[in-house]
Amino acid sequence: MIGEPTNEQRALRIDALFATYNEITDCDSDDSDIDHLSLACVLADMRHWCDLHSVDFFAALDLSYQHYLEERADAAPT
């Protein structure tokens, strides 16, 4: 990929992540809330990963929000 991805491309990467994650876990469901369930399972596992690696989950969450805001602002029409 040349240059920065679009926000749509960033979002579609998560679809791929969920598809892979659901293949290797029992988090998948036929329920209409699959997106919420997948997100909750991934976030819970990320918290466990942070515990294991002594990473501050909430600091990373705050940083991710700042990245998100910058990416949205970059995509805003001028």
C-alpha atoms as a PDB file:
ATOM      1  CA  MET A   1       0.000   0.000   0.000  1.00  0.00           C
ATOM      2  CA  ILE A   2       1.376   3.387  -0.967  1.00  0.00           C
ATOM      3  CA  GLY A   3       0.764   6.287   1.404  1.00  0.00           C
ATOM      4  CA  GLU A   4      -1.570   6.354   4.346  1.00  0.00           C
ATOM      5  CA  PRO A   5      -4.593   4.054   4.325  1.00  0.00           C
ATOM      6  CA  THR A   6      -8.044   5.599   4.239  1.00  0.00           C
ATOM      7  CA  ASN A   7     -10.222   5.334   7.320  1.00  0.00           C
ATOM      8  CA  GLU A   8     -12.392   2.854   5.432  1.00  0.00           C
ATOM      9  CA  GLN A   9      -9.310   0.721   4.766  1.00  0.00           C
ATOM     10  CA  ARG A  10      -8.391   0.940   8.451  1.00  0.00           C
ATOM     11  CA  ALA A  11     -11.880  -0.250   9.400  1.00  0.00           C
ATOM     12  CA  LEU A  12     -11.792  -3.097   6.888  1.00  0.00           C
ATOM     13  CA  ARG A  13      -8.566  -4.375   8.475  1.00  0.00           C
ATOM     14  CA  ILE A  14     -10.604  -5.012  11.605  1.00  0.00           C
ATOM     15  CA  ASP A  15     -13.085  -7.121   9.622  1.00  0.00           C
ATOM     16  CA  ALA A  16     -10.112  -9.305   8.662  1.00  0.00           C
ATOM     17  CA  LEU A  17      -8.916  -9.375  12.276  1.00  0.00           C
ATOM     18  CA  PHE A  18     -12.361 -10.453  13.511  1.00  0.00           C
ATOM     19  CA  ALA A  19     -12.606 -13.163  10.845  1.00  0.00           C
ATOM     20  CA  THR A  20      -9.248 -14.596  11.897  1.00  0.00           C
ATOM     21  CA  TYR A  21      -9.963 -14.176  15.601  1.00  0.00           C
ATOM     22  CA  ASN A  22     -13.330 -15.919  15.287  1.00  0.00           C
ATOM     23  CA  GLU A  23     -11.663 -18.843  13.493  1.00  0.00           C
ATOM     24  CA  ILE A  24      -9.249 -19.474  16.380  1.00  0.00           C
ATOM     25  CA  THR A  25     -11.615 -18.834  19.285  1.00  0.00           C
ATOM     26  CA  ASP A  26     -15.113 -19.795  20.356  1.00  0.00           C
ATOM     27  CA  CYS A  27     -16.168 -16.156  20.346  1.00  0.00           C
ATOM     28  CA  ASP A  28     -18.066 -16.468  17.052  1.00  0.00           C
ATOM     29  CA  SER A  29     -21.854 -16.520  17.261  1.00  0.00           C
ATOM     30  CA  ASP A  30     -24.821 -16.758  14.904  1.00  0.00           C
ATOM     31  CA  ASP A  31     -26.349 -13.949  16.935  1.00  0.00           C
ATOM     32  CA  SER A  32     -27.035 -10.553  15.349  1.00  0.00           C
ATOM     33  CA  ASP A  33     -24.692  -9.054  17.963  1.00  0.00           C
ATOM     34  CA  ILE A  34     -21.629 -10.757  16.442  1.00  0.00           C
ATOM     35  CA  ASP A  35     -19.801  -7.463  15.943  1.00  0.00           C
ATOM     36  CA  HIS A  36     -20.327  -6.499  19.589  1.00  0.00           C
ATOM     37  CA  LEU A  37     -19.342  -9.962  20.791  1.00  0.00           C
ATOM     38  CA  SER A  38     -16.235 -10.082  18.612  1.00  0.00           C
ATOM     39  CA  LEU A  39     -15.164  -6.634  19.748  1.00  0.00           C
ATOM     40  CA  ALA A  40     -15.746  -7.475  23.411  1.00  0.00           C
ATOM     41  CA  CYS A  41     -13.761 -10.727  23.123  1.00  0.00           C
ATOM     42  CA  VAL A  42     -10.845  -9.052  21.347  1.00  0.00           C
ATOM     43  CA  LEU A  43     -10.757  -6.216  23.878  1.00  0.00           C
ATOM     44  CA  ALA A  44     -10.854  -8.655  26.798  1.00  0.00           C
ATOM     45  CA  ASP A  45      -7.966 -10.643  25.311  1.00  0.00           C
ATOM     46  CA  MET A  46      -6.055  -7.404  24.704  1.00  0.00           C
ATOM     47  CA  ARG A  47      -6.444  -6.591  28.394  1.00  0.00           C
ATOM     48  CA  HIS A  48      -5.021 -10.015  29.264  1.00  0.00           C
ATOM     49  CA  TRP A  49      -2.157  -9.402  26.823  1.00  0.00           C
ATOM     50  CA  CYS A  50      -1.464  -6.052  28.486  1.00  0.00           C
ATOM     51  CA  ASP A  51      -1.408  -7.705  31.917  1.00  0.00           C
ATOM     52  CA  LEU A  52       1.023 -10.357  30.670  1.00  0.00           C
ATOM     53  CA  HIS A  53       3.343  -7.785  29.089  1.00  0.00           C
ATOM     54  CA  SER A  54       2.980  -5.012  31.705  1.00  0.00           C
ATOM     55  CA  VAL A  55       1.397  -2.626  29.220  1.00  0.00           C
ATOM     56  CA  ASP A  56      -1.001   0.029  30.489  1.00  0.00           C
ATOM     57  CA  PHE A  57      -4.207  -0.805  28.587  1.00  0.00           C
ATOM     58  CA  PHE A  58      -5.876   2.508  29.427  1.00  0.00           C
ATOM     59  CA  ALA A  59      -2.845   4.552  28.330  1.00  0.00           C
ATOM     60  CA  ALA A  60      -2.897   2.652  25.024  1.00  0.00           C
ATOM     61  CA  LEU A  61      -6.649   3.213  24.775  1.00  0.00           C
ATOM     62  CA  ASP A  62      -6.173   6.964  25.303  1.00  0.00           C
ATOM     63  CA  LEU A  63      -3.409   7.036  22.686  1.00  0.00           C
ATOM     64  CA  SER A  64      -5.614   5.120  20.246  1.00  0.00           C
ATOM     65  CA  TYR A  65      -8.338   7.723  20.701  1.00  0.00           C
ATOM     66  CA  GLN A  66      -5.892  10.509  19.844  1.00  0.00           C
ATOM     67  CA  HIS A  67      -4.828   8.604  16.704  1.00  0.00           C
ATOM     68  CA  TYR A  68      -8.493   8.132  15.779  1.00  0.00           C
ATOM     69  CA  LEU A  69      -9.248  11.845  16.178  1.00  0.00           C
ATOM     70  CA  GLU A  70      -6.235  12.803  14.045  1.00  0.00           C
ATOM     71  CA  GLU A  71      -7.186  10.306  11.354  1.00  0.00           C
ATOM     72  CA  ARG A  72     -10.766  11.593  11.285  1.00  0.00           C
ATOM     73  CA  ALA A  73      -9.566  15.186  11.072  1.00  0.00           C
ATOM     74  CA  ASP A  74      -7.208  14.281   8.223  1.00  0.00           C
ATOM     75  CA  ALA A  75     -10.136  12.748   6.320  1.00  0.00           C
ATOM     76  CA  ALA A  76     -12.490  15.690   6.877  1.00  0.00           C
ATOM     77  CA  PRO A  77     -13.325  17.690   3.765  1.00  0.00           C
ATOM     78  CA  THR A  78     -11.544  21.021   3.640  1.00  0.00           C
END
